[in-house]
Amino acid sequence: MRILLAAVLACAAICPAAAQVNPTAVMNEDVGVPVFPYDITDRPYTVLGEVKAGVRKATAFSKSPSQKKIYAELWERAKKLGADAVIRASYGDAHVSAFSWGKANATGTAIKFTH
């Protein structure tokens, strides 16, 4: 029992520091998520697939969804694929449809860094 406790305490002292370092982390500081409107050319990656998101306005009088909100939605979908980032993200203006006061559609490419 004492050996197990010592092992747990030793891991607790070492593991938090190791858990904070993510060598694949890349962040778009402007929006707070790893989603970029351009390609990343300085690191090798594999493409996981296209991600799509639609962000709706709350009411007819609401502002169109912000880039930050749209990129957050793209990132949520990319995370489910195990992505490290989304590249070549693009979106259009919110448009009214029969089912929505306004919806902005967005697409991007989910990627996983290879190194």
PDB file of N, CA and C in Angstrom:
ATOM      1  N   MET A   1       0.816  -1.191   0.000  1.00  0.00           N
ATOM      2  CA  MET A   1       0.000   0.000   0.000  1.00  0.00           C
ATOM      3  C   MET A   1       0.862   1.258   0.000  1.00  0.00           C
ATOM      4  N   ARG A   2       1.935   1.254   0.783  1.00  0.00           N
ATOM      5  CA  ARG A   2       2.828   2.416   0.828  1.00  0.00           C
ATOM      6  C   ARG A   2       3.520   2.633  -0.511  1.00  0.00           C
ATOM      7  N   ILE A   3       3.844   1.543  -1.195  1.00  0.00           N
ATOM      8  CA  ILE A   3       4.500   1.660  -2.502  1.00  0.00           C
ATOM      9  C   ILE A   3       3.543   2.299  -3.505  1.00  0.00           C
ATOM     10  N   LEU A   4       2.289   1.884  -3.465  1.00  0.00           N
ATOM     11  CA  LEU A   4       1.279   2.450  -4.366  1.00  0.00           C
ATOM     12  C   LEU A   4       1.093   3.946  -4.092  1.00  0.00           C
ATOM     13  N   LEU A   5       1.015   4.312  -2.824  1.00  0.00           N
ATOM     14  CA  LEU A   5       0.864   5.718  -2.468  1.00  0.00           C
ATOM     15  C   LEU A   5       2.068   6.531  -2.932  1.00  0.00           C
ATOM     16  N   ALA A   6       3.262   6.000  -2.763  1.00  0.00           N
ATOM     17  CA  ALA A   6       4.473   6.694  -3.205  1.00  0.00           C
ATOM     18  C   ALA A   6       4.469   6.874  -4.723  1.00  0.00           C
ATOM     19  N   ALA A   7       4.015   5.858  -5.436  1.00  0.00           N
ATOM     20  CA  ALA A   7       3.957   5.938  -6.897  1.00  0.00           C
ATOM     21  C   ALA A   7       2.947   6.995  -7.342  1.00  0.00           C
ATOM     22  N   VAL A   8       1.797   7.056  -6.695  1.00  0.00           N
ATOM     23  CA  VAL A   8       0.774   8.044  -7.035  1.00  0.00           C
ATOM     24  C   VAL A   8       1.286   9.454  -6.754  1.00  0.00           C
ATOM     25  N   LEU A   9       1.933   9.665  -5.636  1.00  0.00           N
ATOM     26  CA  LEU A   9       2.470  10.984  -5.301  1.00  0.00           C
ATOM     27  C   LEU A   9       3.574  11.398  -6.266  1.00  0.00           C
ATOM     28  N   ALA A  10       4.428  10.444  -6.647  1.00  0.00           N
ATOM     29  CA  ALA A  10       5.501  10.742  -7.595  1.00  0.00           C
ATOM     30  C   ALA A  10       4.919  11.137  -8.953  1.00  0.00           C
ATOM     31  N   CYS A  11       3.893  10.426  -9.390  1.00  0.00           N
ATOM     32  CA  CYS A  11       3.254  10.748 -10.672  1.00  0.00           C
ATOM     33  C   CYS A  11       2.564  12.102 -10.604  1.00  0.00           C
ATOM     34  N   ALA A  12       1.932  12.392  -9.478  1.00  0.00           N
ATOM     35  CA  ALA A  12       1.248  13.670  -9.324  1.00  0.00           C
ATOM     36  C   ALA A  12       2.228  14.828  -9.403  1.00  0.00           C
ATOM     37  N   ALA A  13       3.447  14.593  -8.921  1.00  0.00           N
ATOM     38  CA  ALA A  13       4.453  15.650  -8.968  1.00  0.00           C
ATOM     39  C   ALA A  13       5.008  15.847 -10.376  1.00  0.00           C
ATOM     40  N   ILE A  14       5.042  14.780 -11.164  1.00  0.00           N
ATOM     41  CA  ILE A  14       5.638  14.833 -12.498  1.00  0.00           C
ATOM     42  C   ILE A  14       4.589  15.068 -13.579  1.00  0.00           C
ATOM     43  N   CYS A  15       3.473  14.386 -13.529  1.00  0.00           N
ATOM     44  CA  CYS A  15       2.481  14.366 -14.601  1.00  0.00           C
ATOM     45  C   CYS A  15       1.854  15.721 -14.941  1.00  0.00           C
ATOM     46  N   PRO A  16       1.495  16.574 -13.966  1.00  0.00           N
ATOM     47  CA  PRO A  16       0.872  17.840 -14.369  1.00  0.00           C
ATOM     48  C   PRO A  16       1.741  18.672 -15.287  1.00  0.00           C
ATOM     49  N   ALA A  17       3.028  18.716 -15.047  1.00  0.00           N
ATOM     50  CA  ALA A  17       3.916  19.487 -15.918  1.00  0.00           C
ATOM     51  C   ALA A  17       3.960  18.880 -17.311  1.00  0.00           C
ATOM     52  N   ALA A  18       3.985  17.557 -17.382  1.00  0.00           N
ATOM     53  CA  ALA A  18       4.022  16.890 -18.675  1.00  0.00           C
ATOM     54  C   ALA A  18       2.701  17.061 -19.416  1.00  0.00           C
ATOM     55  N   ALA A  19       1.599  17.086 -18.668  1.00  0.00           N
ATOM     56  CA  ALA A  19       0.287  17.211 -19.310  1.00  0.00           C
ATOM     57  C   ALA A  19       0.080  18.603 -19.910  1.00  0.00           C
ATOM     58  N   GLN A  20       0.752  19.624 -19.379  1.00  0.00           N
ATOM     59  CA  GLN A  20       0.576  20.973 -19.880  1.00  0.00           C
ATOM     60  C   GLN A  20       1.294  21.208 -21.200  1.00  0.00           C
ATOM     61  N   VAL A  21       2.294  20.419 -21.500  1.00  0.00           N
ATOM     62  CA  VAL A  21       3.073  20.607 -22.717  1.00  0.00           C
ATOM     63  C   VAL A  21       2.449  19.766 -23.819  1.00  0.00           C
ATOM     64  N   ASN A  22       1.980  20.411 -24.872  1.00  0.00           N
ATOM     65  CA  ASN A  22       1.408  19.727 -26.019  1.00  0.00           C
ATOM     66  C   ASN A  22       2.234  20.118 -27.236  1.00  0.00           C
ATOM     67  N   PRO A  23       3.090  19.209 -27.725  1.00  0.00           N
ATOM     68  CA  PRO A  23       3.976  19.582 -28.824  1.00  0.00           C
ATOM     69  C   PRO A  23       3.246  19.902 -30.129  1.00  0.00           C
ATOM     70  N   THR A  24       1.995  19.469 -30.254  1.00  0.00           N
ATOM     71  CA  THR A  24       1.265  19.733 -31.494  1.00  0.00           C
ATOM     72  C   THR A  24       0.365  20.960 -31.382  1.00  0.00           C
ATOM     73  N   ALA A  25       0.375  21.613 -30.213  1.00  0.00           N
ATOM     74  CA  ALA A  25      -0.526  22.743 -30.002  1.00  0.00           C
ATOM     75  C   ALA A  25      -0.201  23.895 -30.949  1.00  0.00           C
ATOM     76  N   VAL A  26      -1.211  24.419 -31.556  1.00  0.00           N
ATOM     77  CA  VAL A  26      -1.115  25.604 -32.409  1.00  0.00           C
ATOM     78  C   VAL A  26      -2.423  26.356 -32.210  1.00  0.00           C
ATOM     79  N   MET A  27      -2.338  27.657 -32.012  1.00  0.00           N
ATOM     80  CA  MET A  27      -3.539  28.404 -31.673  1.00  0.00           C
ATOM     81  C   MET A  27      -3.635  29.678 -32.503  1.00  0.00           C
ATOM     82  N   ASN A  28      -4.817  29.951 -32.979  1.00  0.00           N
ATOM     83  CA  ASN A  28      -5.096  31.223 -33.637  1.00  0.00           C
ATOM     84  C   ASN A  28      -5.505  32.184 -32.521  1.00  0.00           C
ATOM     85  N   GLU A  29      -4.577  33.013 -32.085  1.00  0.00           N
ATOM     86  CA  GLU A  29      -4.802  33.894 -30.936  1.00  0.00           C
ATOM     87  C   GLU A  29      -5.966  34.859 -31.152  1.00  0.00           C
ATOM     88  N   ASP A  30      -6.274  35.189 -32.391  1.00  0.00           N
ATOM     89  CA  ASP A  30      -7.361  36.128 -32.668  1.00  0.00           C
ATOM     90  C   ASP A  30      -8.727  35.576 -32.280  1.00  0.00           C
ATOM     91  N   VAL A  31      -8.902  34.265 -32.387  1.00  0.00           N
ATOM     92  CA  VAL A  31     -10.210  33.668 -32.115  1.00  0.00           C
ATOM     93  C   VAL A  31     -10.190  32.648 -30.979  1.00  0.00           C
ATOM     94  N   GLY A  32      -9.005  32.295 -30.477  1.00  0.00           N
ATOM     95  CA  GLY A  32      -8.911  31.407 -29.326  1.00  0.00           C
ATOM     96  C   GLY A  32      -9.044  29.926 -29.607  1.00  0.00           C
ATOM     97  N   VAL A  33      -9.076  29.531 -30.860  1.00  0.00           N
ATOM     98  CA  VAL A  33      -9.131  28.117 -31.231  1.00  0.00           C
ATOM     99  C   VAL A  33      -8.162  27.880 -32.388  1.00  0.00           C
ATOM    100  N   PRO A  34      -7.741  26.640 -32.614  1.00  0.00           N
ATOM    101  CA  PRO A  34      -6.799  26.368 -33.704  1.00  0.00           C
ATOM    102  C   PRO A  34      -7.477  26.251 -35.068  1.00  0.00           C
ATOM    103  N   VAL A  35      -8.077  27.332 -35.509  1.00  0.00           N
ATOM    104  CA  VAL A  35      -8.754  27.386 -36.804  1.00  0.00           C
ATOM    105  C   VAL A  35      -8.160  28.564 -37.578  1.00  0.00           C
ATOM    106  N   PHE A  36      -7.781  28.298 -38.829  1.00  0.00           N
ATOM    107  CA  PHE A  36      -7.077  29.295 -39.629  1.00  0.00           C
ATOM    108  C   PHE A  36      -7.700  29.413 -41.021  1.00  0.00           C
ATOM    109  N   PRO A  37      -7.755  30.632 -41.574  1.00  0.00           N
ATOM    110  CA  PRO A  37      -8.296  30.809 -42.917  1.00  0.00           C
ATOM    111  C   PRO A  37      -7.286  30.447 -44.005  1.00  0.00           C
ATOM    112  N   TYR A  38      -6.082  30.104 -43.621  1.00  0.00           N
ATOM    113  CA  TYR A  38      -5.010  29.803 -44.569  1.00  0.00           C
ATOM    114  C   TYR A  38      -4.442  28.410 -44.301  1.00  0.00           C
ATOM    115  N   ASP A  39      -3.553  27.971 -45.159  1.00  0.00           N
ATOM    116  CA  ASP A  39      -2.883  26.683 -45.009  1.00  0.00           C
ATOM    117  C   ASP A  39      -1.695  26.840 -44.059  1.00  0.00           C
ATOM    118  N   ILE A  40      -1.350  25.778 -43.362  1.00  0.00           N
ATOM    119  CA  ILE A  40      -0.156  25.768 -42.511  1.00  0.00           C
ATOM    120  C   ILE A  40       0.929  25.049 -43.299  1.00  0.00           C
ATOM    121  N   THR A  41       1.992  25.759 -43.608  1.00  0.00           N
ATOM    122  CA  THR A  41       3.027  25.198 -44.485  1.00  0.00           C
ATOM    123  C   THR A  41       4.330  24.871 -43.768  1.00  0.00           C
ATOM    124  N   ASP A  42       4.449  25.225 -42.487  1.00  0.00           N
ATOM    125  CA  ASP A  42       5.714  25.001 -41.793  1.00  0.00           C
ATOM    126  C   ASP A  42       5.767  23.690 -41.012  1.00  0.00           C
ATOM    127  N   ARG A  43       4.695  22.902 -41.018  1.00  0.00           N
ATOM    128  CA  ARG A  43       4.659  21.618 -40.315  1.00  0.00           C
ATOM    129  C   ARG A  43       3.941  20.589 -41.169  1.00  0.00           C
ATOM    130  N   PRO A  44       4.468  19.365 -41.210  1.00  0.00           N
ATOM    131  CA  PRO A  44       3.777  18.319 -41.984  1.00  0.00           C
ATOM    132  C   PRO A  44       2.503  17.853 -41.261  1.00  0.00           C
ATOM    133  N   TYR A  45       1.492  17.516 -42.041  1.00  0.00           N
ATOM    134  CA  TYR A  45       0.232  17.050 -41.470  1.00  0.00           C
ATOM    135  C   TYR A  45      -0.454  16.097 -42.425  1.00  0.00           C
ATOM    136  N   THR A  46      -1.450  15.396 -41.896  1.00  0.00           N
ATOM    137  CA  THR A  46      -2.322  14.570 -42.728  1.00  0.00           C
ATOM    138  C   THR A  46      -3.728  15.166 -42.638  1.00  0.00           C
ATOM    139  N   VAL A  47      -4.452  15.063 -43.721  1.00  0.00           N
ATOM    140  CA  VAL A  47      -5.815  15.584 -43.779  1.00  0.00           C
ATOM    141  C   VAL A  47      -6.766  14.527 -43.237  1.00  0.00           C
ATOM    142  N   LEU A  48      -7.597  14.927 -42.272  1.00  0.00           N
ATOM    143  CA  LEU A  48      -8.593  14.020 -41.704  1.00  0.00           C
ATOM    144  C   LEU A  48      -9.921  14.114 -42.445  1.00  0.00           C
ATOM    145  N   GLY A  49     -10.197  15.257 -43.024  1.00  0.00           N
ATOM    146  CA  GLY A  49     -11.440  15.419 -43.771  1.00  0.00           C
ATOM    147  C   GLY A  49     -11.975  16.829 -43.672  1.00  0.00           C
ATOM    148  N   GLU A  50     -13.027  17.071 -44.427  1.00  0.00           N
ATOM    149  CA  GLU A  50     -13.671  18.377 -44.427  1.00  0.00           C
ATOM    150  C   GLU A  50     -14.626  18.459 -43.239  1.00  0.00           C
ATOM    151  N   VAL A  51     -14.674  19.621 -42.608  1.00  0.00           N
ATOM    152  CA  VAL A  51     -15.648  19.863 -41.549  1.00  0.00           C
ATOM    153  C   VAL A  51     -16.557  21.000 -42.000  1.00  0.00           C
ATOM    154  N   LYS A  52     -17.827  20.885 -41.628  1.00  0.00           N
ATOM    155  CA  LYS A  52     -18.817  21.893 -41.983  1.00  0.00           C
ATOM    156  C   LYS A  52     -19.586  22.281 -40.729  1.00  0.00           C
ATOM    157  N   ALA A  53     -19.972  23.538 -40.677  1.00  0.00           N
ATOM    158  CA  ALA A  53     -20.773  24.013 -39.555  1.00  0.00           C
ATOM    159  C   ALA A  53     -21.729  25.083 -40.061  1.00  0.00           C
ATOM    160  N   GLY A  54     -22.856  25.172 -39.418  1.00  0.00           N
ATOM    161  CA  GLY A  54     -23.823  26.222 -39.684  1.00  0.00           C
ATOM    162  C   GLY A  54     -24.147  26.901 -38.365  1.00  0.00           C
ATOM    163  N   VAL A  55     -23.977  28.207 -38.315  1.00  0.00           N
ATOM    164  CA  VAL A  55     -24.233  28.951 -37.089  1.00  0.00           C
ATOM    165  C   VAL A  55     -25.419  29.873 -37.339  1.00  0.00           C
ATOM    166  N   ARG A  56     -26.439  29.718 -36.514  1.00  0.00           N
ATOM    167  CA  ARG A  56     -27.683  30.464 -36.706  1.00  0.00           C
ATOM    168  C   ARG A  56     -27.722  31.737 -35.860  1.00  0.00           C
ATOM    169  N   LYS A  57     -28.478  32.712 -36.361  1.00  0.00           N
ATOM    170  CA  LYS A  57     -28.794  33.900 -35.582  1.00  0.00           C
ATOM    171  C   LYS A  57     -29.921  33.547 -34.618  1.00  0.00           C
ATOM    172  N   ALA A  58     -29.959  34.190 -33.457  1.00  0.00           N
ATOM    173  CA  ALA A  58     -31.004  33.900 -32.474  1.00  0.00           C
ATOM    174  C   ALA A  58     -32.368  34.419 -32.931  1.00  0.00           C
ATOM    175  N   THR A  59     -32.389  35.629 -33.488  1.00  0.00           N
ATOM    176  CA  THR A  59     -33.636  36.230 -33.962  1.00  0.00           C
ATOM    177  C   THR A  59     -33.357  36.975 -35.262  1.00  0.00           C
ATOM    178  N   ALA A  60     -34.392  37.470 -35.857  1.00  0.00           N
ATOM    179  CA  ALA A  60     -34.234  38.244 -37.091  1.00  0.00           C
ATOM    180  C   ALA A  60     -33.460  39.535 -36.840  1.00  0.00           C
ATOM    181  N   PHE A  61     -33.481  40.016 -35.601  1.00  0.00           N
ATOM    182  CA  PHE A  61     -32.831  41.282 -35.271  1.00  0.00           C
ATOM    183  C   PHE A  61     -31.424  41.104 -34.709  1.00  0.00           C
ATOM    184  N   SER A  62     -30.997  39.873 -34.514  1.00  0.00           N
ATOM    185  CA  SER A  62     -29.658  39.599 -33.989  1.00  0.00           C
ATOM    186  C   SER A  62     -28.604  39.892 -35.047  1.00  0.00           C
ATOM    187  N   LYS A  63     -27.400  40.152 -34.583  1.00  0.00           N
ATOM    188  CA  LYS A  63     -26.276  40.337 -35.498  1.00  0.00           C
ATOM    189  C   LYS A  63     -25.922  39.004 -36.127  1.00  0.00           C
ATOM    190  N   SER A  64     -25.267  39.064 -37.253  1.00  0.00           N
ATOM    191  CA  SER A  64     -24.758  37.839 -37.871  1.00  0.00           C
ATOM    192  C   SER A  64     -23.729  37.213 -36.942  1.00  0.00           C
ATOM    193  N   PRO A  65     -23.585  35.884 -36.977  1.00  0.00           N
ATOM    194  CA  PRO A  65     -22.604  35.223 -36.108  1.00  0.00           C
ATOM    195  C   PRO A  65     -21.194  35.765 -36.363  1.00  0.00           C
ATOM    196  N   SER A  66     -20.430  35.906 -35.298  1.00  0.00           N
ATOM    197  CA  SER A  66     -19.065  36.420 -35.403  1.00  0.00           C
ATOM    198  C   SER A  66     -18.117  35.340 -35.921  1.00  0.00           C
ATOM    199  N   GLN A  67     -16.970  35.787 -36.405  1.00  0.00           N
ATOM    200  CA  GLN A  67     -15.948  34.843 -36.857  1.00  0.00           C
ATOM    201  C   GLN A  67     -15.537  33.933 -35.706  1.00  0.00           C
ATOM    202  N   LYS A  68     -15.435  34.474 -34.522  1.00  0.00           N
ATOM    203  CA  LYS A  68     -15.044  33.689 -33.349  1.00  0.00           C
ATOM    204  C   LYS A  68     -16.034  32.545 -33.093  1.00  0.00           C
ATOM    205  N   LYS A  69     -17.319  32.852 -33.173  1.00  0.00           N
ATOM    206  CA  LYS A  69     -18.346  31.830 -32.940  1.00  0.00           C
ATOM    207  C   LYS A  69     -18.341  30.785 -34.060  1.00  0.00           C
ATOM    208  N   ILE A  70     -18.178  31.237 -35.276  1.00  0.00           N
ATOM    209  CA  ILE A  70     -18.154  30.313 -36.413  1.00  0.00           C
ATOM    210  C   ILE A  70     -16.945  29.388 -36.317  1.00  0.00           C
ATOM    211  N   TYR A  71     -15.773  29.949 -36.025  1.00  0.00           N
ATOM    212  CA  TYR A  71     -14.567  29.124 -35.898  1.00  0.00           C
ATOM    213  C   TYR A  71     -14.673  28.152 -34.729  1.00  0.00           C
ATOM    214  N   ALA A  72     -15.329  28.569 -33.644  1.00  0.00           N
ATOM    215  CA  ALA A  72     -15.521  27.671 -32.501  1.00  0.00           C
ATOM    216  C   ALA A  72     -16.368  26.466 -32.908  1.00  0.00           C
ATOM    217  N   GLU A  73     -17.381  26.693 -33.720  1.00  0.00           N
ATOM    218  CA  GLU A  73     -18.221  25.582 -34.194  1.00  0.00           C
ATOM    219  C   GLU A  73     -17.436  24.642 -35.105  1.00  0.00           C
ATOM    220  N   LEU A  74     -16.623  25.201 -35.989  1.00  0.00           N
ATOM    221  CA  LEU A  74     -15.779  24.347 -36.839  1.00  0.00           C
ATOM    222  C   LEU A  74     -14.832  23.511 -35.982  1.00  0.00           C
ATOM    223  N   TRP A  75     -14.254  24.130 -34.968  1.00  0.00           N
ATOM    224  CA  TRP A  75     -13.307  23.419 -34.101  1.00  0.00           C
ATOM    225  C   TRP A  75     -13.997  22.288 -33.337  1.00  0.00           C
ATOM    226  N   GLU A  76     -15.217  22.510 -32.867  1.00  0.00           N
ATOM    227  CA  GLU A  76     -15.949  21.452 -32.161  1.00  0.00           C
ATOM    228  C   GLU A  76     -16.109  20.216 -33.042  1.00  0.00           C
ATOM    229  N   ARG A  77     -16.397  20.420 -34.294  1.00  0.00           N
ATOM    230  CA  ARG A  77     -16.558  19.290 -35.208  1.00  0.00           C
ATOM    231  C   ARG A  77     -15.211  18.628 -35.517  1.00  0.00           C
ATOM    232  N   ALA A  78     -14.170  19.433 -35.653  1.00  0.00           N
ATOM    233  CA  ALA A  78     -12.844  18.886 -35.957  1.00  0.00           C
ATOM    234  C   ALA A  78     -12.285  18.090 -34.784  1.00  0.00           C
ATOM    235  N   LYS A  79     -12.556  18.538 -33.557  1.00  0.00           N
ATOM    236  CA  LYS A  79     -12.081  17.810 -32.368  1.00  0.00           C
ATOM    237  C   LYS A  79     -12.623  16.390 -32.344  1.00  0.00           C
ATOM    238  N   LYS A  80     -13.857  16.226 -32.797  1.00  0.00           N
ATOM    239  CA  LYS A  80     -14.473  14.891 -32.806  1.00  0.00           C
ATOM    240  C   LYS A  80     -13.757  13.946 -33.764  1.00  0.00           C
ATOM    241  N   LEU A  81     -13.048  14.508 -34.749  1.00  0.00           N
ATOM    242  CA  LEU A  81     -12.265  13.696 -35.684  1.00  0.00           C
ATOM    243  C   LEU A  81     -10.844  13.447 -35.168  1.00  0.00           C
ATOM    244  N   GLY A  82     -10.493  14.062 -34.034  1.00  0.00           N
ATOM    245  CA  GLY A  82      -9.144  13.942 -33.497  1.00  0.00           C
ATOM    246  C   GLY A  82      -8.162  14.916 -34.110  1.00  0.00           C
ATOM    247  N   ALA A  83      -8.653  16.023 -34.611  1.00  0.00           N
ATOM    248  CA  ALA A  83      -7.815  17.002 -35.312  1.00  0.00           C
ATOM    249  C   ALA A  83      -6.964  17.820 -34.349  1.00  0.00           C
ATOM    250  N   ASP A  84      -5.838  18.302 -34.868  1.00  0.00           N
ATOM    251  CA  ASP A  84      -4.984  19.245 -34.150  1.00  0.00           C
ATOM    252  C   ASP A  84      -5.297  20.680 -34.558  1.00  0.00           C
ATOM    253  N   ALA A  85      -5.885  20.864 -35.736  1.00  0.00           N
ATOM    254  CA  ALA A  85      -6.200  22.209 -36.233  1.00  0.00           C
ATOM    255  C   ALA A  85      -7.161  22.101 -37.411  1.00  0.00           C
ATOM    256  N   VAL A  86      -7.709  23.245 -37.783  1.00  0.00           N
ATOM    257  CA  VAL A  86      -8.536  23.369 -38.989  1.00  0.00           C
ATOM    258  C   VAL A  86      -7.870  24.423 -39.859  1.00  0.00           C
ATOM    259  N   ILE A  87      -7.673  24.104 -41.120  1.00  0.00           N
ATOM    260  CA  ILE A  87      -7.057  25.040 -42.057  1.00  0.00           C
ATOM    261  C   ILE A  87      -8.044  25.368 -43.176  1.00  0.00           C
ATOM    262  N   ARG A  88      -7.726  26.413 -43.910  1.00  0.00           N
ATOM    263  CA  ARG A  88      -8.541  26.857 -45.042  1.00  0.00           C
ATOM    264  C   ARG A  88     -10.022  27.025 -44.656  1.00  0.00           C
ATOM    265  N   ALA A  89     -10.248  27.611 -43.480  1.00  0.00           N
ATOM    266  CA  ALA A  89     -11.613  27.852 -43.014  1.00  0.00           C
ATOM    267  C   ALA A  89     -12.207  29.027 -43.780  1.00  0.00           C
ATOM    268  N   SER A  90     -13.454  28.881 -44.165  1.00  0.00           N
ATOM    269  CA  SER A  90     -14.150  29.966 -44.843  1.00  0.00           C
ATOM    270  C   SER A  90     -15.626  29.926 -44.466  1.00  0.00           C
ATOM    271  N   TYR A  91     -16.260  31.071 -44.554  1.00  0.00           N
ATOM    272  CA  TYR A  91     -17.682  31.155 -44.241  1.00  0.00           C
ATOM    273  C   TYR A  91     -18.295  32.318 -45.007  1.00  0.00           C
ATOM    274  N   GLY A  92     -19.600  32.268 -45.133  1.00  0.00           N
ATOM    275  CA  GLY A  92     -20.309  33.322 -45.839  1.00  0.00           C
ATOM    276  C   GLY A  92     -21.178  34.126 -44.889  1.00  0.00           C
ATOM    277  N   ASP A  93     -21.846  35.114 -45.437  1.00  0.00           N
ATOM    278  CA  ASP A  93     -22.769  35.923 -44.639  1.00  0.00           C
ATOM    279  C   ASP A  93     -23.981  35.091 -44.258  1.00  0.00           C
ATOM    280  N   ALA A  94     -24.589  35.454 -43.142  1.00  0.00           N
ATOM    281  CA  ALA A  94     -25.811  34.775 -42.708  1.00  0.00           C
ATOM    282  C   ALA A  94     -26.930  35.070 -43.695  1.00  0.00           C
ATOM    283  N   HIS A  95     -27.684  34.043 -44.040  1.00  0.00           N
ATOM    284  CA  HIS A  95     -28.797  34.208 -44.964  1.00  0.00           C
ATOM    285  C   HIS A  95     -30.066  33.618 -44.349  1.00  0.00           C
ATOM    286  N   VAL A  96     -31.189  34.212 -44.645  1.00  0.00           N
ATOM    287  CA  VAL A  96     -32.476  33.777 -44.116  1.00  0.00           C
ATOM    288  C   VAL A  96     -32.976  32.604 -44.942  1.00  0.00           C
ATOM    289  N   SER A  97     -33.551  31.628 -44.234  1.00  0.00           N
ATOM    290  CA  SER A  97     -34.154  30.487 -44.927  1.00  0.00           C
ATOM    291  C   SER A  97     -35.518  30.213 -44.298  1.00  0.00           C
ATOM    292  N   ALA A  98     -36.199  29.209 -44.782  1.00  0.00           N
ATOM    293  CA  ALA A  98     -37.517  28.869 -44.249  1.00  0.00           C
ATOM    294  C   ALA A  98     -37.430  28.375 -42.803  1.00  0.00           C
ATOM    295  N   PHE A  99     -36.273  27.891 -42.391  1.00  0.00           N
ATOM    296  CA  PHE A  99     -36.122  27.308 -41.060  1.00  0.00           C
ATOM    297  C   PHE A  99     -35.253  28.136 -40.122  1.00  0.00           C
ATOM    298  N   SER A 100     -34.807  29.301 -40.550  1.00  0.00           N
ATOM    299  CA  SER A 100     -33.857  30.063 -39.747  1.00  0.00           C
ATOM    300  C   SER A 100     -33.980  31.561 -40.011  1.00  0.00           C
ATOM    301  N   TRP A 101     -33.712  32.369 -38.972  1.00  0.00           N
ATOM    302  CA  TRP A 101     -33.669  33.823 -39.122  1.00  0.00           C
ATOM    303  C   TRP A 101     -32.410  34.265 -39.836  1.00  0.00           C
ATOM    304  N   GLY A 102     -31.473  33.398 -39.877  1.00  0.00           N
ATOM    305  CA  GLY A 102     -30.208  33.691 -40.542  1.00  0.00           C
ATOM    306  C   GLY A 102     -29.183  32.655 -40.128  1.00  0.00           C
ATOM    307  N   LYS A 103     -28.477  32.136 -41.085  1.00  0.00           N
ATOM    308  CA  LYS A 103     -27.509  31.083 -40.810  1.00  0.00           C
ATOM    309  C   LYS A 103     -26.279  31.312 -41.667  1.00  0.00           C
ATOM    310  N   ALA A 104     -25.109  31.253 -41.026  1.00  0.00           N
ATOM    311  CA  ALA A 104     -23.840  31.359 -41.748  1.00  0.00           C
ATOM    312  C   ALA A 104     -23.248  29.959 -41.865  1.00  0.00           C
ATOM    313  N   ASN A 105     -22.957  29.551 -43.085  1.00  0.00           N
ATOM    314  CA  ASN A 105     -22.353  28.244 -43.318  1.00  0.00           C
ATOM    315  C   ASN A 105     -20.842  28.393 -43.405  1.00  0.00           C
ATOM    316  N   ALA A 106     -20.136  27.421 -42.817  1.00  0.00           N
ATOM    317  CA  ALA A 106     -18.682  27.462 -42.795  1.00  0.00           C
ATOM    318  C   ALA A 106     -18.115  26.091 -43.143  1.00  0.00           C
ATOM    319  N   THR A 107     -16.938  26.080 -43.758  1.00  0.00           N
ATOM    320  CA  THR A 107     -16.231  24.844 -44.066  1.00  0.00           C
ATOM    321  C   THR A 107     -14.752  25.021 -43.749  1.00  0.00           C
ATOM    322  N   GLY A 108     -14.081  23.918 -43.571  1.00  0.00           N
ATOM    323  CA  GLY A 108     -12.644  23.924 -43.334  1.00  0.00           C
ATOM    324  C   GLY A 108     -12.113  22.516 -43.476  1.00  0.00           C
ATOM    325  N   THR A 109     -10.805  22.366 -43.385  1.00  0.00           N
ATOM    326  CA  THR A 109     -10.164  21.066 -43.497  1.00  0.00           C
ATOM    327  C   THR A 109      -9.519  20.709 -42.170  1.00  0.00           C
ATOM    328  N   ALA A 110      -9.968  19.598 -41.563  1.00  0.00           N
ATOM    329  CA  ALA A 110      -9.405  19.131 -40.303  1.00  0.00           C
ATOM    330  C   ALA A 110      -8.093  18.404 -40.593  1.00  0.00           C
ATOM    331  N   ILE A 111      -7.056  18.740 -39.803  1.00  0.00           N
ATOM    332  CA  ILE A 111      -5.740  18.121 -40.007  1.00  0.00           C
ATOM    333  C   ILE A 111      -5.162  17.586 -38.700  1.00  0.00           C
ATOM    334  N   LYS A 112      -4.256  16.642 -38.827  1.00  0.00           N
ATOM    335  CA  LYS A 112      -3.506  16.077 -37.698  1.00  0.00           C
ATOM    336  C   LYS A 112      -2.038  16.207 -38.039  1.00  0.00           C
ATOM    337  N   PHE A 113      -1.264  16.860 -37.167  1.00  0.00           N
ATOM    338  CA  PHE A 113       0.152  17.013 -37.416  1.00  0.00           C
ATOM    339  C   PHE A 113       0.868  15.680 -37.304  1.00  0.00           C
ATOM    340  N   THR A 114       1.847  15.445 -38.177  1.00  0.00           N
ATOM    341  CA  THR A 114       2.561  14.168 -38.185  1.00  0.00           C
ATOM    342  C   THR A 114       3.833  14.212 -37.352  1.00  0.00           C
ATOM    343  N   HIS A 115       4.295  15.383 -36.955  1.00  0.00           N
ATOM    344  CA  HIS A 115       5.479  15.484 -36.096  1.00  0.00           C
ATOM    345  C   HIS A 115       5.223  16.380 -34.938  1.00  0.00           C
TER     346      HIS A 115
END
